[in-house]
């Protein structure tokens, strides 16, 4: 027995250590090994591995993926880390079976799934069996969607079919310089189209973080990236039947913030950073922004108010004046749906002049994409609080969680302007003949604009018609949101009996 135990220990250590020359190559590429990554992600000593001895066509133990479970801040998560030192982390039947086993365990125990991706794609020598393995993973991801949080971390190549797994996750992290994600690589692009493009320009972290919107978070190195994954997990529930982890209340319901009266200019056309407002509303000014560099005219963030996790959607006036466009609608809609799926209350900070006009937007399907955000809010059953800071014009006002689409509590600042459009535009349309015939059009326009504002755009107009529940002092915003969320904490909503709706995808 002593000899068997000794040999058992040597074998496990040998498998875990990997081939020294392959580990050296991995480090020279600026990448950590699969096990080094798991050590950074998980609590010390918490990792429990499954299928260590599994072999496939590579002949190597683990078959190129380290799989199992561990804890993050004491909470259970299931993980797999593809091992690029074994056949480039390529996926074959045994490799896929290990991933599928971990995913099944995660769903059955109600635990988040974290995937550390570093793979050249399907193992060519296994042919259709590799493709079948990917299909099984994708099917499980869809079945787990809205049941347990799914986080993908791209730390190397994620090519071909492998790219769809991060795309199906709730959140995708990428590391600059080492991570690439694309369906067809630069060589194939050049063969088919004649276009020459680098790996970074085709599928690098910055491309997906700022242009395609595939990457939710982009980081400079692996340690900071994995630390951010831990930060995100601390804000998420383990599954859709549990509430997000809460901290002790911190007196937000009586916390007045004088700076809120200074941040937002009264003039509707003056820009400001909505993140300054957000920082005054949430606990300790601390929030985690999702898709920070993509569709920057809307801000989506996870934070806490009085110790409890909330999702915040806010128009960003310093980027395109905060208008909604195709990308912003997609970004906000997916975030709203995630929050609703996992019981995270929504706070919407509204300062929107409308939808971005132009042929590019219209022909690109702005109507369909805007309908995604509308659908997401209409479908959401979590507690919802809307705060109208300033402009709220036209269809964009409706889409940004207005009373008419089901927000539970609508608050407004005295600077709010809710209308079909701005006063100047409305006057130009309603009185164009009078203005054209006037001796002094500028003077008449100014008078008509003033009348329009006083009759239809004064801050209490919507409140008088029950579309705003209260007009509040800006300094009381944090307190009012905290009180509103407390009132709504036990909200219950029964979804309609149907298989599923038909969202305008």
Protein backbone atom coordinates (compact mmCIF):
# COMPACT_ATOMS: atom_id res chain seq x y z
CA UNK A 1 0.00 0.00 0.00
CA UNK A 2 2.83 2.41 0.85
CA UNK A 3 4.33 1.83 -2.58
CA UNK A 4 1.02 2.31 -4.34
CA UNK A 5 0.37 5.52 -2.45
CA UNK A 6 3.81 6.84 -3.28
CA UNK A 7 3.41 6.06 -6.97
CA UNK A 8 -0.08 7.59 -6.91
CA UNK A 9 1.30 10.84 -5.50
CA UNK A 10 4.14 10.95 -8.04
CA UNK A 11 1.74 10.40 -10.92
CA UNK A 12 -0.63 13.15 -9.81
CA UNK A 13 2.24 15.58 -9.35
CA UNK A 14 3.67 14.67 -12.76
CA UNK A 15 0.32 15.24 -14.49
CA UNK A 16 -0.27 18.53 -12.69
CA UNK A 17 3.24 19.82 -13.46
CA UNK A 18 2.90 19.22 -17.20
CA UNK A 19 5.78 19.01 -19.65
CA UNK A 20 8.46 21.53 -18.61
CA UNK A 21 9.26 22.57 -22.19
CA UNK A 22 5.57 23.20 -22.95
CA UNK A 23 5.12 25.24 -19.78
CA UNK A 24 8.18 27.31 -20.72
CA UNK A 25 6.71 27.99 -24.17
CA UNK A 26 3.41 29.07 -22.57
CA UNK A 27 5.21 31.53 -20.31
CA UNK A 28 7.23 32.90 -23.25
CA UNK A 29 3.91 33.69 -24.95
CA UNK A 30 3.08 35.89 -21.95
CA UNK A 31 0.46 33.43 -20.70
CA UNK A 32 -0.04 31.54 -17.46
CA UNK A 33 -0.75 27.83 -17.40
CA UNK A 34 -4.25 26.49 -16.79
CA UNK A 35 -3.46 25.58 -13.19
CA UNK A 36 -1.76 28.90 -12.46
CA UNK A 37 -4.92 30.63 -13.67
CA UNK A 38 -7.12 28.52 -11.41
CA UNK A 39 -4.87 29.35 -8.47
CA UNK A 40 -5.50 33.07 -9.10
CA UNK A 41 -9.24 32.67 -9.60
CA UNK A 42 -10.16 30.35 -6.73
CA UNK A 43 -9.76 30.52 -2.97
CA UNK A 44 -6.51 28.91 -1.82
CA UNK A 45 -6.77 25.15 -1.54
CA UNK A 46 -10.41 25.00 -2.63
CA UNK A 47 -10.03 23.41 -6.09
CA UNK A 48 -11.43 19.88 -6.45
CA UNK A 49 -10.50 18.37 -9.82
CA UNK A 50 -12.50 15.85 -11.82
CA UNK A 51 -11.25 13.57 -14.60
CA UNK A 52 -7.56 14.17 -13.96
CA UNK A 53 -6.71 10.86 -15.61
CA UNK A 54 -9.01 11.26 -18.63
CA UNK A 55 -7.26 10.65 -21.96
CA UNK A 56 -8.31 11.26 -25.52
CA UNK A 57 -6.55 11.28 -28.88
CA UNK A 58 -3.74 13.45 -27.47
CA UNK A 59 -2.64 10.55 -25.29
CA UNK A 60 -2.03 12.99 -22.45
CA UNK A 61 -3.82 12.90 -19.13
CA UNK A 62 -6.54 15.63 -18.75
CA UNK A 63 -6.81 15.75 -22.57
CA UNK A 64 -6.01 19.44 -22.53
CA UNK A 65 -8.57 20.78 -20.06
CA UNK A 66 -8.42 21.08 -16.27
CA UNK A 67 -11.95 20.81 -14.85
CA UNK A 68 -13.61 20.80 -11.45
CA UNK A 69 -14.95 23.15 -8.79
CA UNK A 70 -13.72 25.50 -6.10
CA UNK A 71 -14.83 28.52 -4.15
CA UNK A 72 -14.62 32.26 -4.64
CA UNK A 73 -14.96 34.15 -1.37
CA UNK A 74 -16.33 30.93 0.08
CA UNK A 75 -19.06 30.47 -2.55
CA UNK A 76 -19.07 27.40 -4.84
CA UNK A 77 -18.27 27.79 -8.55
CA UNK A 78 -17.58 25.24 -11.27
CA UNK A 79 -14.67 25.88 -13.60
CA UNK A 80 -12.74 24.53 -16.52
CA UNK A 81 -9.44 25.83 -17.87
CA UNK A 82 -8.25 24.80 -21.31
CA UNK A 83 -4.58 23.80 -21.33
CA UNK A 84 -2.79 25.23 -24.35
CA UNK A 85 0.34 23.21 -23.51
CA UNK A 86 -1.46 20.03 -24.62
CA UNK A 87 -2.25 20.07 -28.36
CA UNK A 88 -2.94 23.79 -28.24
CA UNK A 89 -5.95 23.27 -25.99
CA UNK A 90 -7.84 21.82 -28.96
CA UNK A 91 -11.20 20.25 -28.26
CA UNK A 92 -11.89 16.59 -28.88
CA UNK A 93 -14.54 14.19 -27.62
CA UNK A 94 -12.91 13.49 -24.22
CA UNK A 95 -12.08 17.18 -23.73
CA UNK A 96 -15.69 18.12 -24.45
CA UNK A 97 -17.06 15.38 -22.19
CA UNK A 98 -15.13 16.83 -19.24
CA UNK A 99 -16.52 20.30 -19.87
CA UNK A 100 -20.04 18.93 -20.22
CA UNK A 101 -19.71 17.04 -16.94
CA UNK A 102 -18.72 20.22 -15.11
CA UNK A 103 -21.59 22.16 -16.67
CA UNK A 104 -24.10 19.49 -15.65
CA UNK A 105 -22.78 19.58 -12.08
CA UNK A 106 -23.00 23.38 -11.99
CA UNK A 107 -26.65 23.39 -13.03
CA UNK A 108 -27.61 20.54 -10.69
CA UNK A 109 -26.00 22.30 -7.71
CA UNK A 110 -27.08 25.83 -8.69
CA UNK A 111 -23.54 27.18 -9.02
CA UNK A 112 -21.95 29.67 -11.47
CA UNK A 113 -19.82 28.41 -14.37
CA UNK A 114 -16.47 30.05 -15.19
CA UNK A 115 -14.73 29.01 -18.41
CA UNK A 116 -11.06 29.87 -18.97
CA UNK A 117 -10.67 29.65 -22.75
CA UNK A 118 -7.30 29.10 -24.45
CA UNK A 119 -7.88 26.86 -27.45
CA UNK A 120 -7.03 26.62 -31.11
CA UNK A 121 -10.49 25.19 -31.78
CA UNK A 122 -11.77 21.79 -32.82
CA UNK A 123 -9.26 18.93 -32.92
CA UNK A 124 -9.09 18.33 -36.67
CA UNK A 125 -8.04 14.68 -36.42
CA UNK A 126 -11.25 13.87 -34.53
CA UNK A 127 -13.47 15.34 -37.23
CA UNK A 128 -17.19 15.28 -36.54
CA UNK A 129 -16.68 13.99 -32.98
CA UNK A 130 -15.05 17.30 -32.07
CA UNK A 131 -17.89 19.23 -33.64
CA UNK A 132 -20.38 17.04 -31.77
CA UNK A 133 -18.55 17.91 -28.56
CA UNK A 134 -18.96 21.63 -29.22
CA UNK A 135 -22.64 21.14 -29.93
CA UNK A 136 -23.15 19.46 -26.57
CA UNK A 137 -21.44 22.35 -24.81
CA UNK A 138 -23.53 24.96 -26.62
CA UNK A 139 -26.77 23.11 -25.85
CA UNK A 140 -25.88 23.01 -22.17
CA UNK A 141 -25.02 26.72 -22.17
CA UNK A 142 -28.41 27.58 -23.58
CA UNK A 143 -30.14 25.30 -21.07
CA UNK A 144 -28.18 26.95 -18.23
CA UNK A 145 -28.94 30.48 -19.46
CA UNK A 146 -30.90 32.36 -16.83
CA UNK A 147 -30.43 29.48 -14.38
CA UNK A 148 -26.81 29.95 -13.27
CA UNK A 149 -24.43 32.80 -14.20
CA UNK A 150 -21.98 31.93 -16.97
CA UNK A 151 -18.67 33.75 -17.29
CA UNK A 152 -16.19 33.22 -20.13
CA UNK A 153 -12.59 34.38 -19.83
CA UNK A 154 -10.62 34.44 -23.09
CA UNK A 155 -6.90 34.19 -22.31
CA UNK A 156 -5.54 33.01 -25.65
CA UNK A 157 -6.99 32.00 -29.01
CA UNK A 158 -10.66 31.09 -29.22
CA UNK A 159 -11.09 30.30 -32.87
CA UNK A 160 -13.78 28.83 -35.06
CA UNK A 161 -16.54 27.02 -33.17
CA UNK A 162 -14.76 27.82 -29.90
CA UNK A 163 -15.78 31.48 -30.29
CA UNK A 164 -19.46 30.67 -29.82
CA UNK A 165 -19.01 29.51 -26.24
CA UNK A 166 -17.89 32.97 -24.98
CA UNK A 167 -20.61 34.53 -27.13
CA UNK A 168 -23.26 32.48 -25.29
CA UNK A 169 -21.94 33.41 -21.84
CA UNK A 170 -23.49 36.14 -19.73
CA UNK A 171 -20.19 38.01 -19.46
CA UNK A 172 -16.98 37.69 -21.46
CA UNK A 173 -13.54 38.84 -20.29
CA UNK A 174 -10.55 39.26 -22.61
CA UNK A 175 -6.87 40.03 -22.02
CA UNK A 176 -5.03 42.43 -24.32
CA UNK A 177 -2.21 41.13 -26.54
CA UNK A 178 -2.81 37.43 -25.83
CA UNK A 179 -6.55 36.88 -26.40
CA UNK A 180 -8.06 36.55 -29.87
CA UNK A 181 -11.52 35.45 -30.84
CA UNK A 182 -12.81 34.98 -34.40
CA UNK A 183 -14.71 32.50 -36.53
CA UNK A 184 -12.13 32.47 -39.34
CA UNK A 185 -8.51 33.49 -38.83
CA UNK A 186 -6.43 35.99 -40.82
CA UNK A 187 -5.06 33.34 -43.20
CA UNK A 188 -8.51 32.16 -44.27
CA UNK A 189 -9.75 35.74 -44.54
CA UNK A 190 -6.83 36.48 -46.89
CA UNK A 191 -7.51 33.37 -48.99
CA UNK A 192 -11.23 34.05 -49.38
CA UNK A 193 -11.37 37.85 -49.61
CA UNK A 194 -7.81 38.92 -50.33
CA UNK A 195 -7.93 41.15 -47.24
CA UNK A 196 -4.82 41.25 -45.05
CA UNK A 197 -5.51 41.69 -41.36
CA UNK A 198 -3.64 40.92 -38.15
CA UNK A 199 -4.90 38.66 -35.37
CA UNK A 200 -5.33 41.69 -33.09
CA UNK A 201 -7.23 43.76 -35.65
CA UNK A 202 -9.49 40.85 -36.55
CA UNK A 203 -10.32 39.49 -33.13
CA UNK A 204 -8.23 41.12 -30.42
CA UNK A 205 -9.50 42.23 -27.04
CA UNK A 206 -9.77 45.93 -27.93
CA UNK A 207 -11.70 45.16 -31.13
CA UNK A 208 -14.25 43.08 -29.24
CA UNK A 209 -14.31 45.47 -26.31
CA UNK A 210 -14.98 48.64 -28.32
CA UNK A 211 -16.35 47.70 -31.76
CA UNK A 212 -18.10 44.32 -31.85
CA UNK A 213 -19.36 44.36 -28.26
CA UNK A 214 -18.49 40.68 -27.79
CA UNK A 215 -16.20 41.39 -24.82
CA UNK A 216 -17.88 42.72 -21.67
CA UNK A 217 -14.55 43.50 -19.95
CA UNK A 218 -11.01 44.02 -21.24
CA UNK A 219 -7.89 43.86 -19.05
CA UNK A 220 -4.18 44.36 -19.54
CA UNK A 221 -2.99 41.13 -17.91
CA UNK A 222 -4.23 37.84 -16.56
CA UNK A 223 -3.93 38.59 -12.80
CA UNK A 224 -6.04 41.77 -13.06
CA UNK A 225 -8.52 39.99 -15.32
CA UNK A 226 -9.04 37.08 -12.93
CA UNK A 227 -9.28 39.47 -9.97
CA UNK A 228 -12.09 41.26 -11.85
CA UNK A 229 -13.88 37.93 -12.38
CA UNK A 230 -13.84 37.47 -8.61
CA UNK A 231 -15.22 41.01 -8.20
CA UNK A 232 -18.06 40.26 -10.62
CA UNK A 233 -18.94 36.98 -8.90
CA UNK A 234 -19.26 38.86 -5.59
CA UNK A 235 -22.15 40.83 -7.14
CA UNK A 236 -24.01 37.88 -8.65
CA UNK A 237 -26.34 35.29 -7.12
CA UNK A 238 -25.29 31.66 -7.41
CA UNK A 239 -28.44 30.88 -9.38
CA UNK A 240 -31.84 32.28 -10.36
CA UNK A 241 -33.53 31.02 -7.16
CA UNK A 242 -31.19 32.83 -4.77
CA UNK A 243 -30.87 36.58 -4.14
CA UNK A 244 -27.60 38.34 -4.91
CA UNK A 245 -25.22 38.45 -1.93
CA UNK A 246 -26.10 41.42 0.30
CA UNK A 247 -24.03 43.52 2.66
CA UNK A 248 -25.33 45.22 5.81
CA UNK A 249 -27.46 48.34 5.22
CA UNK A 250 -25.48 51.56 5.34
CA UNK A 251 -28.13 54.22 5.92
CA UNK A 252 -28.75 55.05 2.27
CA UNK A 253 -32.45 55.81 2.87
CA UNK A 254 -31.52 59.01 4.73
CA UNK A 255 -28.32 59.83 2.86
CA UNK A 256 -28.55 63.19 1.10
CA UNK A 257 -25.90 64.06 -1.49
CA UNK A 258 -25.53 67.84 -2.06
CA UNK A 259 -23.17 67.30 -4.98
CA UNK A 260 -26.02 65.88 -7.06
CA UNK A 261 -27.48 69.39 -7.26
CA UNK A 262 -24.23 70.57 -8.87
CA UNK A 263 -23.35 67.82 -11.37
CA UNK A 264 -26.21 68.11 -13.85
CA UNK A 265 -26.53 71.46 -15.66
CA UNK A 266 -30.02 72.92 -15.86
CA UNK A 267 -29.48 73.75 -19.54
CA UNK A 268 -30.64 70.68 -21.52
CA UNK A 269 -27.83 70.87 -24.08
CA UNK A 270 -24.94 71.04 -21.62
CA UNK A 271 -23.03 67.74 -21.27
CA UNK A 272 -21.98 65.99 -18.05
CA UNK A 273 -20.77 62.52 -17.10
CA UNK A 274 -23.60 60.27 -15.90
CA UNK A 275 -21.00 58.23 -14.03
CA UNK A 276 -20.58 61.16 -11.64
CA UNK A 277 -24.29 60.86 -10.81
CA UNK A 278 -23.98 57.09 -10.51
CA UNK A 279 -21.09 57.39 -8.07
CA UNK A 280 -23.18 59.61 -5.78
CA UNK A 281 -26.11 57.19 -5.79
CA UNK A 282 -24.42 53.84 -5.13
CA UNK A 283 -22.67 52.68 -1.96
CA UNK A 284 -19.13 54.04 -1.55
CA UNK A 285 -19.22 55.34 -5.13
CA UNK A 286 -18.26 51.81 -6.19
CA UNK A 287 -19.67 50.17 -9.32
CA UNK A 288 -18.64 47.67 -11.99
CA UNK A 289 -19.31 49.00 -15.47
CA UNK A 290 -20.15 46.44 -18.17
CA UNK A 291 -19.08 47.09 -21.79
CA UNK A 292 -17.30 50.27 -20.71
CA UNK A 293 -15.76 50.90 -24.15
CA UNK A 294 -18.63 49.80 -26.39
CA UNK A 295 -21.78 51.86 -27.04
CA UNK A 296 -20.55 54.48 -24.59
CA UNK A 297 -23.69 56.62 -25.01
CA UNK A 298 -25.33 54.35 -22.45
CA UNK A 299 -23.81 53.16 -19.18
CA UNK A 300 -24.65 49.76 -17.68
CA UNK A 301 -23.26 48.88 -14.27
CA UNK A 302 -23.66 46.58 -11.29
CA UNK A 303 -23.45 48.22 -7.89
CA UNK A 304 -25.02 48.24 -4.44
CA UNK A 305 -27.57 50.57 -2.88
CA UNK A 306 -27.88 50.20 0.89
CA UNK A 307 -25.95 46.94 0.69
CA UNK A 308 -28.10 45.30 -1.97
CA UNK A 309 -27.07 44.66 -5.55
CA UNK A 310 -28.75 46.68 -8.32
CA UNK A 311 -28.30 47.01 -12.05
CA UNK A 312 -28.09 50.58 -13.32
CA UNK A 313 -28.80 51.76 -16.88
CA UNK A 314 -28.09 55.41 -17.63
CA UNK A 315 -27.92 57.61 -20.71
CA UNK A 316 -24.48 59.21 -21.12
CA UNK A 317 -24.74 62.88 -22.22
CA UNK A 318 -20.99 63.26 -22.92
CA UNK A 319 -21.21 60.69 -25.75
CA UNK A 320 -23.54 61.50 -28.66
CA UNK A 321 -25.58 63.59 -26.20
CA UNK A 322 -26.85 60.33 -24.68
CA UNK A 323 -29.01 59.31 -27.63
CA UNK A 324 -30.06 55.71 -28.10
CA UNK A 325 -28.72 54.00 -31.21
CA UNK A 326 -28.34 50.44 -32.45
CA UNK A 327 -25.38 49.50 -30.28
CA UNK A 328 -26.70 51.22 -27.14
CA UNK A 329 -30.06 49.49 -27.50
CA UNK A 330 -28.39 46.08 -27.82
CA UNK A 331 -26.08 46.71 -24.89
CA UNK A 332 -28.80 47.91 -22.53
CA UNK A 333 -31.31 45.25 -23.60
CA UNK A 334 -28.96 42.37 -22.86
CA UNK A 335 -28.02 43.89 -19.50
CA UNK A 336 -31.68 44.40 -18.52
CA UNK A 337 -32.50 40.80 -19.45
CA UNK A 338 -29.58 39.48 -17.41
CA UNK A 339 -30.62 41.46 -14.34
CA UNK A 340 -34.21 40.33 -14.70
CA UNK A 341 -33.18 36.68 -15.10
CA UNK A 342 -31.22 36.73 -11.84
CA UNK A 343 -33.49 38.87 -9.67
CA UNK A 344 -31.35 42.01 -9.69
CA UNK A 345 -33.46 45.22 -9.32
CA UNK A 346 -33.10 47.85 -12.03
CA UNK A 347 -32.47 51.58 -11.68
CA UNK A 348 -32.75 53.66 -14.87
CA UNK A 349 -31.19 57.14 -14.98
CA UNK A 350 -32.85 58.97 -17.87
CA UNK A 351 -31.47 61.91 -19.81
CA UNK A 352 -32.17 61.05 -23.44
CA UNK A 353 -32.92 63.36 -26.40
CA UNK A 354 -34.23 60.53 -28.58
CA UNK A 355 -32.95 57.95 -31.05
CA UNK A 356 -29.98 58.76 -33.28
CA UNK A 357 -31.31 59.90 -36.69
CA UNK A 358 -29.74 59.01 -40.02
CA UNK A 359 -29.90 56.59 -42.92
CA UNK A 360 -27.15 54.38 -41.47
CA UNK A 361 -29.19 53.81 -38.33
CA UNK A 362 -32.51 53.33 -40.08
CA UNK A 363 -31.15 50.93 -42.72
CA UNK A 364 -29.17 49.12 -40.03
CA UNK A 365 -32.40 48.22 -38.25
CA UNK A 366 -32.59 50.85 -35.51
CA UNK A 367 -36.29 50.10 -35.12
CA UNK A 368 -35.68 46.40 -34.55
CA UNK A 369 -32.76 46.96 -32.20
CA UNK A 370 -34.57 49.65 -30.26
CA UNK A 371 -37.44 47.20 -29.88
CA UNK A 372 -35.03 44.82 -28.11
CA UNK A 373 -34.61 47.30 -25.27
CA UNK A 374 -38.33 48.01 -25.21
CA UNK A 375 -39.07 44.28 -25.07
CA UNK A 376 -36.51 43.72 -22.30
CA UNK A 377 -38.02 46.38 -20.03
CA UNK A 378 -41.60 45.33 -20.75
CA UNK A 379 -40.73 41.72 -19.91
CA UNK A 380 -38.78 42.49 -16.72
CA UNK A 381 -40.49 41.53 -13.45
CA UNK A 382 -37.79 42.63 -10.97
CA UNK A 383 -38.26 45.85 -8.95
CA UNK A 384 -37.73 48.82 -11.29
CA UNK A 385 -37.07 52.47 -10.41
CA UNK A 386 -36.83 55.20 -13.05
CA UNK A 387 -35.23 58.57 -12.33
CA UNK A 388 -35.66 61.28 -14.98
CA UNK A 389 -32.80 63.71 -14.53
CA UNK A 390 -33.36 66.05 -17.44
CA UNK A 391 -34.44 65.34 -21.04
CA UNK A 392 -36.80 62.48 -21.86
CA UNK A 393 -38.02 62.94 -25.40
CA UNK A 394 -40.16 60.87 -27.74
CA UNK A 395 -39.94 57.13 -28.11
CA UNK A 396 -36.66 57.08 -26.21
CA UNK A 397 -38.51 58.26 -23.09
CA UNK A 398 -40.94 55.36 -23.43
CA UNK A 399 -38.17 52.82 -24.02
CA UNK A 400 -36.13 53.95 -20.99
CA UNK A 401 -38.44 52.17 -18.53
CA UNK A 402 -41.25 54.69 -18.43
CA UNK A 403 -44.41 54.27 -16.40
CA UNK A 404 -46.22 53.13 -19.53
CA UNK A 405 -43.93 50.10 -20.02
CA UNK A 406 -44.17 49.04 -16.40
CA UNK A 407 -41.65 50.75 -14.16
CA UNK A 408 -42.74 50.41 -10.53
CA UNK A 409 -41.61 53.83 -9.34
CA UNK A 410 -40.95 56.89 -11.50
CA UNK A 411 -39.09 59.80 -9.93
CA UNK A 412 -38.07 63.06 -11.60
CA UNK A 413 -35.83 65.99 -10.85
CA UNK A 414 -37.14 69.56 -11.18
CA UNK A 415 -34.97 69.77 -14.32
CA UNK A 416 -37.00 67.08 -16.11
CA UNK A 417 -38.39 67.72 -19.57
CA UNK A 418 -40.73 64.96 -20.74
CA UNK A 419 -42.15 65.60 -24.19
CA UNK A 420 -42.52 64.25 -27.70
CA UNK A 421 -39.49 66.32 -28.66
CA UNK A 422 -37.54 69.39 -27.59
CA UNK A 423 -39.38 72.71 -27.45
CA UNK A 424 -37.46 74.22 -30.37
CA UNK A 425 -38.17 71.27 -32.66
CA UNK A 426 -41.81 71.16 -31.66
CA UNK A 427 -42.32 74.86 -32.34
CA UNK A 428 -40.61 74.59 -35.73
CA UNK A 429 -43.03 71.83 -36.72
CA UNK A 430 -46.22 73.22 -35.18
CA UNK A 431 -45.77 76.84 -36.22
CA UNK A 432 -43.69 76.71 -39.39
CA UNK A 433 -46.21 78.78 -41.40
CA UNK A 434 -46.49 81.45 -38.72
CA UNK A 435 -42.72 81.63 -38.43
CA UNK A 436 -42.27 81.85 -42.19
CA UNK A 437 -44.72 84.77 -42.38
CA UNK A 438 -43.48 86.64 -39.29
CA UNK A 439 -41.63 89.94 -39.53
CA UNK A 440 -39.34 88.85 -36.71
CA UNK A 441 -39.21 85.02 -36.78
CA UNK A 442 -36.54 84.78 -34.05
CA UNK A 443 -38.60 86.80 -31.58
CA UNK A 444 -41.78 84.86 -32.36
CA UNK A 445 -39.95 81.55 -32.09
CA UNK A 446 -38.57 82.47 -28.67
CA UNK A 447 -42.05 83.40 -27.43
CA UNK A 448 -43.60 80.22 -28.80
CA UNK A 449 -40.83 78.09 -27.28
CA UNK A 450 -41.39 79.73 -23.90
CA UNK A 451 -45.14 79.06 -24.14
CA UNK A 452 -44.57 75.42 -25.15
CA UNK A 453 -42.22 74.88 -22.23
CA UNK A 454 -44.57 76.46 -19.70
CA UNK A 455 -47.61 74.49 -20.90
CA UNK A 456 -46.25 71.04 -21.81
CA UNK A 457 -42.68 70.71 -20.53
CA UNK A 458 -42.75 72.10 -17.03
CA UNK A 459 -41.35 69.67 -14.43
CA UNK A 460 -44.72 68.85 -12.86
CA UNK A 461 -46.70 68.17 -16.06
CA UNK A 462 -46.12 64.38 -16.04
CA UNK A 463 -46.66 64.22 -12.27
CA UNK A 464 -50.01 65.96 -12.65
CA UNK A 465 -51.08 63.15 -14.97
CA UNK A 466 -49.77 60.33 -12.74
CA UNK A 467 -46.88 59.38 -15.04
CA UNK A 468 -44.29 60.46 -12.47
CA UNK A 469 -44.79 59.43 -8.85
CA UNK A 470 -42.79 62.25 -7.32
CA UNK A 471 -40.64 65.22 -8.25
CA UNK A 472 -37.70 65.09 -5.88
CA UNK A 473 -34.86 67.33 -4.81
CA UNK A 474 -31.71 66.02 -6.60
CA UNK A 475 -29.85 65.75 -3.31
CA UNK A 476 -32.43 63.20 -2.12
CA UNK A 477 -31.97 60.87 -5.10
CA UNK A 478 -29.89 58.20 -3.35
CA UNK A 479 -32.27 58.17 -0.39
CA UNK A 480 -35.37 58.05 -2.60
CA UNK A 481 -33.99 55.14 -4.64
CA UNK A 482 -33.06 53.24 -1.48
CA UNK A 483 -36.52 53.76 0.00
CA UNK A 484 -38.20 52.79 -3.25
CA UNK A 485 -36.19 49.58 -3.57
CA UNK A 486 -37.01 48.72 0.05
CA UNK A 487 -40.71 49.13 -0.66
CA UNK A 488 -40.43 46.93 -3.76
CA UNK A 489 -38.27 44.23 -2.18
CA UNK A 490 -41.09 41.71 -1.88
CA UNK A 491 -42.50 42.37 -5.34
CA UNK A 492 -44.02 39.29 -7.00
CA UNK A 493 -45.02 38.98 -10.63
CA UNK A 494 -46.49 35.92 -12.32
CA UNK A 495 -45.26 35.54 -15.92
CA UNK A 496 -47.86 34.73 -18.57
CA UNK A 497 -48.45 31.07 -19.43
CA UNK A 498 -46.54 30.53 -22.65
CA UNK A 499 -43.53 28.65 -23.93
CA UNK A 500 -41.61 31.89 -24.49
CA UNK A 501 -42.09 35.24 -26.13
CA UNK A 502 -40.70 36.13 -29.56
CA UNK A 503 -38.16 38.87 -28.83
CA UNK A 504 -37.13 40.97 -31.87
CA UNK A 505 -33.69 39.36 -32.12
